[in-house]
Amino acid sequence: MAADPSTPPAQYIRNHIRTVPDWPAPGVMFRDITPLLSNPRVFRVLIDQFVHRYFDARPDAIAGLDARGFIIGSVLAYELGVGFVPIRKKGKLPFTTVEETYELEYGSATVEMHTDAVRPGERVVLIDDLIATGGTMMAGKNLLERLGAQVIEGAAIVDLPELQGSRKLRDAGLPLFTLVDFAGH
């Protein structure tokens, strides 16, 4: 599908997000961004939205959450000419790490990052593909701040507002930028 110049970028991006019903569990409407990534024109429009957002803000680094935040975050960091910081699932990083555990709907998970990934005072944008309950992004924010970085904004392609994650993150003082939202989860 070619880009229609009259279609706003957010709508163009939304049109390329696939909804997969009942995955990974019955009743869940999974918002799949892989069609955005596989189409070079749509991927460019997507990345450009974030580049234009942060070009003048000039963060010192982009931190991406495992795993789809790596895809968007690393390209964004490259385009802005800044470093990229991976925040990984526990046990994936080879050097000294700091970790943060957070609650999931059923259980908990832990993410970690290298202790030398950011320096005190660095201004960082934290990015992921989607905000659902906000747990992963909150854990990333806490890790970055524990190492002295200033998280200037959390960013995602998709917000699922019914799950209250974006509200929780904003209530915790994290400004957010998302491109599209979907009712339902």
N, C-alpha and C. Protein backbone atom coordinates (compact mmCIF):
# COMPACT_ATOMS: atom_id res chain seq x y z
N MET A 1 0.85 -1.18 0.00
CA MET A 1 0.00 0.00 0.00
C MET A 1 0.90 1.24 0.00
N ALA A 2 0.74 2.07 -0.99
CA ALA A 2 1.52 3.29 -1.10
C ALA A 2 1.00 4.32 -0.10
N ALA A 3 1.89 5.20 0.30
CA ALA A 3 1.50 6.27 1.22
C ALA A 3 0.64 7.28 0.47
N ASP A 4 -0.51 7.57 1.04
CA ASP A 4 -1.38 8.60 0.52
C ASP A 4 -0.99 9.89 1.22
N PRO A 5 -0.56 10.91 0.47
CA PRO A 5 -0.09 12.15 1.11
C PRO A 5 -1.14 12.81 2.00
N SER A 6 -2.42 12.49 1.78
CA SER A 6 -3.45 13.10 2.61
C SER A 6 -3.71 12.33 3.90
N THR A 7 -3.14 11.14 4.04
CA THR A 7 -3.31 10.35 5.26
C THR A 7 -2.32 10.82 6.31
N PRO A 8 -2.81 11.23 7.48
CA PRO A 8 -1.87 11.62 8.55
C PRO A 8 -0.95 10.45 8.90
N PRO A 9 0.30 10.73 9.25
CA PRO A 9 1.25 9.65 9.54
C PRO A 9 0.76 8.66 10.60
N ALA A 10 0.14 9.16 11.67
CA ALA A 10 -0.32 8.24 12.71
C ALA A 10 -1.37 7.28 12.17
N GLN A 11 -2.25 7.77 11.32
CA GLN A 11 -3.28 6.89 10.74
C GLN A 11 -2.64 5.90 9.77
N TYR A 12 -1.68 6.35 9.00
CA TYR A 12 -0.95 5.48 8.08
C TYR A 12 -0.27 4.34 8.85
N ILE A 13 0.35 4.69 9.96
CA ILE A 13 0.99 3.68 10.81
C ILE A 13 -0.05 2.73 11.39
N ARG A 14 -1.12 3.29 11.91
CA ARG A 14 -2.20 2.47 12.49
C ARG A 14 -2.75 1.47 11.47
N ASN A 15 -2.88 1.92 10.23
CA ASN A 15 -3.41 1.05 9.17
C ASN A 15 -2.52 -0.16 8.91
N HIS A 16 -1.30 -0.12 9.39
CA HIS A 16 -0.35 -1.21 9.14
C HIS A 16 -0.05 -2.04 10.39
N ILE A 17 -0.82 -1.86 11.44
CA ILE A 17 -0.70 -2.69 12.63
C ILE A 17 -1.75 -3.78 12.53
N ARG A 18 -1.29 -5.01 12.61
CA ARG A 18 -2.17 -6.16 12.49
C ARG A 18 -2.71 -6.52 13.87
N THR A 19 -4.01 -6.79 13.94
CA THR A 19 -4.62 -7.26 15.17
C THR A 19 -4.81 -8.76 15.07
N VAL A 20 -4.26 -9.48 16.04
CA VAL A 20 -4.38 -10.94 16.08
C VAL A 20 -5.24 -11.29 17.28
N PRO A 21 -6.50 -11.74 17.02
CA PRO A 21 -7.38 -12.05 18.15
C PRO A 21 -6.96 -13.33 18.88
N ASP A 22 -7.22 -13.31 20.19
CA ASP A 22 -7.00 -14.48 21.05
C ASP A 22 -5.56 -14.96 21.07
N TRP A 23 -4.61 -14.01 21.02
CA TRP A 23 -3.20 -14.38 21.14
C TRP A 23 -2.51 -13.41 22.08
N PRO A 24 -1.79 -13.83 23.04
CA PRO A 24 -1.37 -15.20 23.34
C PRO A 24 -2.37 -15.98 24.18
N ALA A 25 -3.51 -15.36 24.52
CA ALA A 25 -4.52 -16.03 25.34
C ALA A 25 -5.90 -15.62 24.85
N PRO A 26 -6.91 -16.43 25.11
CA PRO A 26 -8.27 -16.08 24.70
C PRO A 26 -8.69 -14.72 25.25
N GLY A 27 -9.31 -13.93 24.40
CA GLY A 27 -9.79 -12.60 24.78
C GLY A 27 -8.80 -11.48 24.56
N VAL A 28 -7.54 -11.81 24.28
CA VAL A 28 -6.52 -10.77 24.05
C VAL A 28 -6.50 -10.44 22.56
N MET A 29 -6.48 -9.13 22.29
CA MET A 29 -6.33 -8.65 20.91
C MET A 29 -4.89 -8.16 20.78
N PHE A 30 -4.03 -9.01 20.21
CA PHE A 30 -2.60 -8.70 20.12
C PHE A 30 -2.36 -7.70 18.99
N ARG A 31 -1.66 -6.61 19.28
CA ARG A 31 -1.34 -5.58 18.29
C ARG A 31 0.06 -5.87 17.75
N ASP A 32 0.10 -6.39 16.55
CA ASP A 32 1.33 -6.87 15.93
C ASP A 32 1.94 -5.79 15.04
N ILE A 33 3.16 -5.36 15.40
CA ILE A 33 3.82 -4.30 14.62
C ILE A 33 4.69 -4.84 13.50
N THR A 34 4.80 -6.16 13.35
CA THR A 34 5.71 -6.68 12.32
C THR A 34 5.37 -6.20 10.91
N PRO A 35 4.09 -5.96 10.56
CA PRO A 35 3.84 -5.38 9.23
C PRO A 35 4.46 -3.99 9.04
N LEU A 36 4.59 -3.22 10.12
CA LEU A 36 5.25 -1.91 10.05
C LEU A 36 6.72 -2.08 9.69
N LEU A 37 7.32 -3.12 10.25
CA LEU A 37 8.75 -3.33 10.08
C LEU A 37 9.10 -3.92 8.73
N SER A 38 8.20 -4.70 8.17
CA SER A 38 8.50 -5.40 6.91
C SER A 38 8.30 -4.53 5.67
N ASN A 39 7.59 -3.44 5.81
CA ASN A 39 7.34 -2.54 4.68
C ASN A 39 8.29 -1.34 4.82
N PRO A 40 9.27 -1.20 3.91
CA PRO A 40 10.26 -0.13 4.09
C PRO A 40 9.68 1.28 4.12
N ARG A 41 8.62 1.52 3.38
CA ARG A 41 8.02 2.86 3.38
C ARG A 41 7.35 3.15 4.72
N VAL A 42 6.60 2.19 5.22
CA VAL A 42 5.92 2.38 6.50
C VAL A 42 6.94 2.49 7.63
N PHE A 43 7.98 1.65 7.57
CA PHE A 43 9.03 1.70 8.59
C PHE A 43 9.69 3.08 8.60
N ARG A 44 9.93 3.66 7.43
CA ARG A 44 10.53 5.00 7.34
C ARG A 44 9.59 6.04 7.95
N VAL A 45 8.30 5.96 7.63
CA VAL A 45 7.34 6.91 8.20
C VAL A 45 7.33 6.78 9.73
N LEU A 46 7.35 5.56 10.21
CA LEU A 46 7.36 5.31 11.65
C LEU A 46 8.59 5.94 12.31
N ILE A 47 9.75 5.60 11.82
CA ILE A 47 10.99 6.12 12.41
C ILE A 47 11.04 7.64 12.31
N ASP A 48 10.61 8.18 11.18
CA ASP A 48 10.61 9.64 11.01
C ASP A 48 9.76 10.35 12.06
N GLN A 49 8.66 9.73 12.49
CA GLN A 49 7.83 10.36 13.53
C GLN A 49 8.63 10.56 14.81
N PHE A 50 9.41 9.56 15.17
CA PHE A 50 10.23 9.67 16.38
C PHE A 50 11.43 10.59 16.17
N VAL A 51 12.05 10.53 15.00
CA VAL A 51 13.19 11.41 14.71
C VAL A 51 12.76 12.87 14.80
N HIS A 52 11.63 13.19 14.18
CA HIS A 52 11.15 14.58 14.22
C HIS A 52 10.80 15.00 15.65
N ARG A 53 10.31 14.07 16.44
CA ARG A 53 9.95 14.37 17.82
C ARG A 53 11.18 14.75 18.65
N TYR A 54 12.28 14.03 18.44
CA TYR A 54 13.44 14.18 19.31
C TYR A 54 14.63 14.89 18.69
N PHE A 55 14.54 15.30 17.45
CA PHE A 55 15.67 15.92 16.77
C PHE A 55 16.16 17.17 17.51
N ASP A 56 15.26 18.06 17.87
CA ASP A 56 15.66 19.29 18.56
C ASP A 56 15.91 19.07 20.05
N ALA A 57 15.27 18.07 20.64
CA ALA A 57 15.45 17.78 22.07
C ALA A 57 16.84 17.23 22.34
N ARG A 58 17.45 16.60 21.36
CA ARG A 58 18.80 16.06 21.43
C ARG A 58 19.08 15.30 22.73
N PRO A 59 18.43 14.15 22.91
CA PRO A 59 18.79 13.34 24.07
C PRO A 59 20.23 12.85 23.93
N ASP A 60 20.82 12.44 25.04
CA ASP A 60 22.17 11.88 25.01
C ASP A 60 22.17 10.43 24.58
N ALA A 61 21.04 9.74 24.80
CA ALA A 61 20.94 8.33 24.45
C ALA A 61 19.48 7.94 24.28
N ILE A 62 19.29 6.84 23.58
CA ILE A 62 17.99 6.20 23.46
C ILE A 62 18.11 4.85 24.16
N ALA A 63 17.22 4.56 25.09
CA ALA A 63 17.19 3.26 25.76
C ALA A 63 16.00 2.49 25.22
N GLY A 64 16.25 1.27 24.75
CA GLY A 64 15.20 0.43 24.19
C GLY A 64 14.93 -0.77 25.07
N LEU A 65 13.64 -1.07 25.23
CA LEU A 65 13.23 -2.21 26.04
C LEU A 65 13.16 -3.47 25.19
N ASP A 66 13.65 -4.55 25.76
CA ASP A 66 13.70 -5.87 25.13
C ASP A 66 12.28 -6.31 24.76
N ALA A 67 12.02 -6.65 23.55
CA ALA A 67 12.91 -6.79 22.42
C ALA A 67 12.55 -5.83 21.29
N ARG A 68 11.27 -5.54 21.13
CA ARG A 68 10.89 -4.68 20.00
C ARG A 68 11.34 -3.23 20.18
N GLY A 69 11.56 -2.81 21.42
CA GLY A 69 12.14 -1.49 21.64
C GLY A 69 13.55 -1.38 21.11
N PHE A 70 14.23 -2.53 20.94
CA PHE A 70 15.56 -2.53 20.35
C PHE A 70 15.50 -2.12 18.89
N ILE A 71 14.50 -2.61 18.19
CA ILE A 71 14.38 -2.35 16.74
C ILE A 71 14.19 -0.86 16.50
N ILE A 72 13.21 -0.29 17.16
CA ILE A 72 12.90 1.13 16.96
C ILE A 72 13.99 2.00 17.57
N GLY A 73 14.40 1.66 18.78
CA GLY A 73 15.37 2.48 19.51
C GLY A 73 16.72 2.55 18.86
N SER A 74 17.21 1.43 18.33
CA SER A 74 18.55 1.46 17.72
C SER A 74 18.55 2.29 16.45
N VAL A 75 17.50 2.18 15.64
CA VAL A 75 17.42 2.98 14.42
C VAL A 75 17.27 4.46 14.78
N LEU A 76 16.46 4.75 15.78
CA LEU A 76 16.28 6.14 16.21
C LEU A 76 17.60 6.72 16.72
N ALA A 77 18.32 5.95 17.53
CA ALA A 77 19.62 6.42 18.03
C ALA A 77 20.57 6.71 16.88
N TYR A 78 20.61 5.82 15.90
CA TYR A 78 21.46 6.01 14.72
C TYR A 78 21.08 7.31 13.99
N GLU A 79 19.80 7.50 13.76
CA GLU A 79 19.33 8.69 13.03
C GLU A 79 19.63 9.98 13.80
N LEU A 80 19.60 9.92 15.13
CA LEU A 80 19.87 11.12 15.93
C LEU A 80 21.35 11.30 16.23
N GLY A 81 22.15 10.28 15.93
CA GLY A 81 23.58 10.37 16.20
C GLY A 81 23.91 10.28 17.68
N VAL A 82 23.14 9.47 18.41
CA VAL A 82 23.38 9.28 19.85
C VAL A 82 23.54 7.78 20.13
N GLY A 83 23.94 7.46 21.35
CA GLY A 83 24.12 6.06 21.73
C GLY A 83 22.81 5.35 21.99
N PHE A 84 22.91 4.02 21.96
CA PHE A 84 21.76 3.17 22.25
C PHE A 84 22.05 2.31 23.47
N VAL A 85 21.08 2.23 24.38
CA VAL A 85 21.20 1.46 25.61
C VAL A 85 20.16 0.35 25.60
N PRO A 86 20.59 -0.92 25.55
CA PRO A 86 19.61 -2.01 25.63
C PRO A 86 19.24 -2.32 27.08
N ILE A 87 17.95 -2.42 27.33
CA ILE A 87 17.45 -2.89 28.62
C ILE A 87 16.87 -4.27 28.34
N ARG A 88 17.56 -5.29 28.88
CA ARG A 88 17.30 -6.67 28.50
C ARG A 88 16.57 -7.45 29.58
N LYS A 89 16.02 -8.57 29.15
CA LYS A 89 15.48 -9.53 30.11
C LYS A 89 16.64 -10.10 30.90
N LYS A 90 16.36 -10.47 32.14
CA LYS A 90 17.40 -10.95 33.06
C LYS A 90 18.20 -12.10 32.45
N GLY A 91 19.52 -12.02 32.66
CA GLY A 91 20.40 -13.10 32.25
C GLY A 91 20.94 -13.00 30.84
N LYS A 92 20.71 -11.89 30.15
CA LYS A 92 21.14 -11.75 28.75
C LYS A 92 22.35 -10.84 28.57
N LEU A 93 22.74 -10.13 29.60
CA LEU A 93 23.87 -9.19 29.48
C LEU A 93 25.11 -9.76 30.15
N PRO A 94 26.28 -9.62 29.52
CA PRO A 94 27.49 -10.29 30.00
C PRO A 94 28.30 -9.54 31.06
N PHE A 95 28.02 -8.26 31.29
CA PHE A 95 28.85 -7.46 32.18
C PHE A 95 28.08 -7.23 33.48
N THR A 96 28.63 -6.42 34.37
CA THR A 96 27.98 -6.08 35.63
C THR A 96 26.67 -5.35 35.34
N THR A 97 25.60 -5.79 35.99
CA THR A 97 24.28 -5.22 35.71
C THR A 97 23.59 -4.72 36.97
N VAL A 98 22.58 -3.92 36.74
CA VAL A 98 21.62 -3.52 37.76
C VAL A 98 20.28 -4.04 37.27
N GLU A 99 19.42 -4.50 38.16
CA GLU A 99 18.17 -5.12 37.72
C GLU A 99 16.97 -4.54 38.45
N GLU A 100 15.82 -4.74 37.82
CA GLU A 100 14.55 -4.26 38.38
C GLU A 100 13.49 -5.32 38.08
N THR A 101 12.78 -5.73 39.12
CA THR A 101 11.71 -6.70 38.96
C THR A 101 10.37 -5.97 39.00
N TYR A 102 9.44 -6.40 38.18
CA TYR A 102 8.13 -5.77 38.13
C TYR A 102 7.06 -6.85 38.00
N GLU A 103 5.85 -6.45 38.33
CA GLU A 103 4.74 -7.40 38.33
C GLU A 103 4.06 -7.46 36.96
N LEU A 104 3.72 -8.67 36.58
CA LEU A 104 2.92 -8.93 35.39
C LEU A 104 1.52 -9.33 35.84
N GLU A 105 0.64 -9.53 34.89
CA GLU A 105 -0.72 -9.93 35.25
C GLU A 105 -0.69 -11.23 36.06
N TYR A 106 0.17 -12.16 35.64
CA TYR A 106 0.31 -13.44 36.35
C TYR A 106 1.78 -13.70 36.61
N GLY A 107 2.31 -13.16 37.70
CA GLY A 107 3.70 -13.38 38.03
C GLY A 107 4.52 -12.11 37.99
N SER A 108 5.82 -12.28 37.74
CA SER A 108 6.71 -11.13 37.69
C SER A 108 7.79 -11.38 36.64
N ALA A 109 8.51 -10.32 36.31
CA ALA A 109 9.62 -10.40 35.35
C ALA A 109 10.70 -9.45 35.83
N THR A 110 11.90 -9.65 35.31
CA THR A 110 13.04 -8.82 35.70
C THR A 110 13.76 -8.36 34.44
N VAL A 111 14.11 -7.08 34.40
CA VAL A 111 14.94 -6.54 33.32
C VAL A 111 16.21 -5.99 33.95
N GLU A 112 17.24 -5.88 33.12
CA GLU A 112 18.51 -5.37 33.62
C GLU A 112 19.24 -4.60 32.54
N MET A 113 20.23 -3.84 32.98
CA MET A 113 21.10 -3.11 32.07
C MET A 113 22.49 -3.05 32.68
N HIS A 114 23.47 -2.79 31.84
CA HIS A 114 24.84 -2.66 32.33
C HIS A 114 24.96 -1.43 33.23
N THR A 115 25.77 -1.56 34.25
CA THR A 115 25.94 -0.46 35.21
C THR A 115 26.64 0.75 34.59
N ASP A 116 27.34 0.55 33.47
CA ASP A 116 28.02 1.67 32.82
C ASP A 116 27.31 2.13 31.55
N ALA A 117 26.04 1.76 31.40
CA ALA A 117 25.31 2.08 30.18
C ALA A 117 24.97 3.57 30.06
N VAL A 118 24.78 4.23 31.17
CA VAL A 118 24.51 5.68 31.18
C VAL A 118 25.33 6.31 32.29
N ARG A 119 25.54 7.60 32.14
CA ARG A 119 26.26 8.37 33.16
C ARG A 119 25.27 9.32 33.86
N PRO A 120 25.57 9.67 35.10
CA PRO A 120 24.69 10.61 35.81
C PRO A 120 24.49 11.89 34.99
N GLY A 121 23.24 12.32 34.95
CA GLY A 121 22.89 13.54 34.24
C GLY A 121 22.55 13.37 32.77
N GLU A 122 22.84 12.21 32.19
CA GLU A 122 22.50 12.01 30.78
C GLU A 122 20.98 12.04 30.60
N ARG A 123 20.58 12.66 29.50
CA ARG A 123 19.16 12.78 29.14
C ARG A 123 18.82 11.64 28.18
N VAL A 124 17.84 10.81 28.57
CA VAL A 124 17.54 9.59 27.85
C VAL A 124 16.06 9.53 27.47
N VAL A 125 15.80 9.07 26.25
CA VAL A 125 14.43 8.72 25.83
C VAL A 125 14.34 7.20 25.95
N LEU A 126 13.29 6.73 26.61
CA LEU A 126 13.03 5.31 26.81
C LEU A 126 11.95 4.88 25.84
N ILE A 127 12.23 3.83 25.03
CA ILE A 127 11.29 3.49 23.96
C ILE A 127 10.96 2.00 23.94
N ASP A 128 9.71 1.72 23.59
CA ASP A 128 9.23 0.35 23.39
C ASP A 128 8.18 0.38 22.29
N ASP A 129 7.71 -0.79 21.90
CA ASP A 129 6.70 -0.83 20.85
C ASP A 129 5.31 -0.50 21.36
N LEU A 130 5.02 -0.86 22.63
CA LEU A 130 3.65 -0.78 23.11
C LEU A 130 3.63 -0.55 24.62
N ILE A 131 2.65 0.22 25.07
CA ILE A 131 2.42 0.39 26.51
C ILE A 131 1.10 -0.30 26.84
N ALA A 132 1.19 -1.32 27.68
CA ALA A 132 -0.01 -2.03 28.14
C ALA A 132 -0.22 -1.67 29.61
N THR A 133 0.31 -2.48 30.51
CA THR A 133 0.17 -2.18 31.95
C THR A 133 1.22 -1.20 32.44
N GLY A 134 2.26 -0.95 31.63
CA GLY A 134 3.29 0.00 31.99
C GLY A 134 4.42 -0.56 32.83
N GLY A 135 4.36 -1.83 33.19
CA GLY A 135 5.36 -2.42 34.07
C GLY A 135 6.76 -2.42 33.51
N THR A 136 6.90 -2.80 32.25
CA THR A 136 8.24 -2.86 31.65
C THR A 136 8.85 -1.47 31.54
N MET A 137 8.05 -0.51 31.09
CA MET A 137 8.58 0.85 30.93
C MET A 137 8.91 1.46 32.30
N MET A 138 8.09 1.18 33.29
CA MET A 138 8.38 1.70 34.64
C MET A 138 9.68 1.10 35.17
N ALA A 139 9.88 -0.19 34.93
CA ALA A 139 11.12 -0.84 35.36
C ALA A 139 12.32 -0.21 34.65
N GLY A 140 12.21 0.05 33.34
CA GLY A 140 13.28 0.70 32.60
C GLY A 140 13.57 2.09 33.13
N LYS A 141 12.52 2.84 33.41
CA LYS A 141 12.67 4.19 33.97
C LYS A 141 13.42 4.10 35.30
N ASN A 142 13.02 3.18 36.16
CA ASN A 142 13.66 3.04 37.47
C ASN A 142 15.14 2.69 37.35
N LEU A 143 15.47 1.79 36.42
CA LEU A 143 16.88 1.43 36.21
C LEU A 143 17.70 2.63 35.77
N LEU A 144 17.20 3.34 34.77
CA LEU A 144 17.93 4.50 34.26
C LEU A 144 18.14 5.55 35.34
N GLU A 145 17.09 5.82 36.10
CA GLU A 145 17.19 6.82 37.16
C GLU A 145 18.09 6.36 38.29
N ARG A 146 18.11 5.07 38.58
CA ARG A 146 18.99 4.54 39.63
C ARG A 146 20.45 4.80 39.28
N LEU A 147 20.76 4.81 37.98
CA LEU A 147 22.13 5.09 37.53
C LEU A 147 22.38 6.58 37.30
N GLY A 148 21.39 7.42 37.61
CA GLY A 148 21.57 8.86 37.55
C GLY A 148 21.14 9.53 36.27
N ALA A 149 20.58 8.77 35.33
CA ALA A 149 20.10 9.38 34.08
C ALA A 149 18.77 10.09 34.32
N GLN A 150 18.48 11.03 33.46
CA GLN A 150 17.20 11.73 33.46
C GLN A 150 16.39 11.20 32.28
N VAL A 151 15.28 10.53 32.57
CA VAL A 151 14.42 10.02 31.49
C VAL A 151 13.52 11.18 31.07
N ILE A 152 13.82 11.75 29.89
CA ILE A 152 13.07 12.93 29.47
C ILE A 152 11.70 12.58 28.91
N GLU A 153 11.54 11.34 28.40
CA GLU A 153 10.24 10.93 27.90
C GLU A 153 10.24 9.43 27.66
N GLY A 154 9.09 8.82 27.84
CA GLY A 154 8.85 7.46 27.42
C GLY A 154 8.11 7.52 26.09
N ALA A 155 8.43 6.63 25.17
CA ALA A 155 7.82 6.66 23.85
C ALA A 155 7.45 5.24 23.42
N ALA A 156 6.37 5.16 22.66
CA ALA A 156 5.93 3.87 22.12
C ALA A 156 5.12 4.12 20.86
N ILE A 157 5.02 3.11 20.06
CA ILE A 157 4.15 3.19 18.88
C ILE A 157 2.70 3.15 19.33
N VAL A 158 2.36 2.18 20.18
CA VAL A 158 0.97 1.89 20.54
C VAL A 158 0.75 2.09 22.04
N ASP A 159 -0.39 2.68 22.37
CA ASP A 159 -0.86 2.74 23.75
C ASP A 159 -2.17 1.97 23.83
N LEU A 160 -2.30 1.14 24.86
CA LEU A 160 -3.55 0.44 25.15
C LEU A 160 -4.13 1.08 26.41
N PRO A 161 -4.85 2.20 26.26
CA PRO A 161 -5.26 2.99 27.42
C PRO A 161 -6.15 2.25 28.42
N GLU A 162 -6.92 1.28 27.97
CA GLU A 162 -7.80 0.56 28.89
C GLU A 162 -7.03 -0.19 29.97
N LEU A 163 -5.76 -0.52 29.69
CA LEU A 163 -4.96 -1.26 30.67
C LEU A 163 -4.30 -0.34 31.69
N GLN A 164 -4.46 0.97 31.53
CA GLN A 164 -4.05 1.97 32.52
C GLN A 164 -2.55 2.16 32.67
N GLY A 165 -1.74 1.53 31.81
CA GLY A 165 -0.30 1.68 31.92
C GLY A 165 0.17 3.10 31.68
N SER A 166 -0.38 3.74 30.66
CA SER A 166 0.06 5.11 30.36
C SER A 166 -0.33 6.06 31.50
N ARG A 167 -1.48 5.85 32.09
CA ARG A 167 -1.89 6.68 33.22
C ARG A 167 -0.93 6.47 34.40
N LYS A 168 -0.60 5.20 34.66
CA LYS A 168 0.32 4.86 35.76
C LYS A 168 1.69 5.52 35.54
N LEU A 169 2.19 5.48 34.31
CA LEU A 169 3.49 6.08 34.01
C LEU A 169 3.46 7.60 34.17
N ARG A 170 2.40 8.22 33.66
CA ARG A 170 2.28 9.68 33.80
C ARG A 170 2.15 10.07 35.27
N ASP A 171 1.38 9.28 36.03
CA ASP A 171 1.23 9.56 37.47
C ASP A 171 2.57 9.45 38.19
N ALA A 172 3.48 8.64 37.65
CA ALA A 172 4.82 8.49 38.24
C ALA A 172 5.78 9.57 37.73
N GLY A 173 5.25 10.52 36.94
CA GLY A 173 6.07 11.64 36.50
C GLY A 173 6.79 11.44 35.17
N LEU A 174 6.44 10.40 34.42
CA LEU A 174 7.09 10.16 33.14
C LEU A 174 6.24 10.74 32.01
N PRO A 175 6.73 11.77 31.32
CA PRO A 175 6.01 12.24 30.13
C PRO A 175 6.02 11.13 29.08
N LEU A 176 4.93 11.00 28.34
CA LEU A 176 4.81 9.95 27.33
C LEU A 176 4.47 10.51 25.97
N PHE A 177 4.96 9.82 24.96
CA PHE A 177 4.61 10.10 23.57
C PHE A 177 4.28 8.77 22.90
N THR A 178 3.07 8.66 22.38
CA THR A 178 2.68 7.48 21.62
C THR A 178 2.05 7.94 20.31
N LEU A 179 2.14 7.09 19.31
CA LEU A 179 1.64 7.45 17.99
C LEU A 179 0.17 7.08 17.79
N VAL A 180 -0.23 5.91 18.27
CA VAL A 180 -1.61 5.45 18.11
C VAL A 180 -2.08 4.78 19.38
N ASP A 181 -3.39 4.80 19.59
CA ASP A 181 -3.95 4.02 20.68
C ASP A 181 -5.06 3.14 20.15
N PHE A 182 -5.26 2.04 20.86
CA PHE A 182 -6.29 1.08 20.50
C PHE A 182 -7.16 0.83 21.72
N ALA A 183 -8.47 0.93 21.52
CA ALA A 183 -9.39 0.54 22.57
C ALA A 183 -9.36 -0.98 22.66
N GLY A 184 -9.51 -1.50 23.82
CA GLY A 184 -9.47 -2.95 24.01
C GLY A 184 -8.04 -3.41 24.11
N HIS A 185 -7.87 -4.63 24.52
CA HIS A 185 -6.52 -5.14 24.69
C HIS A 185 -6.45 -6.55 24.18
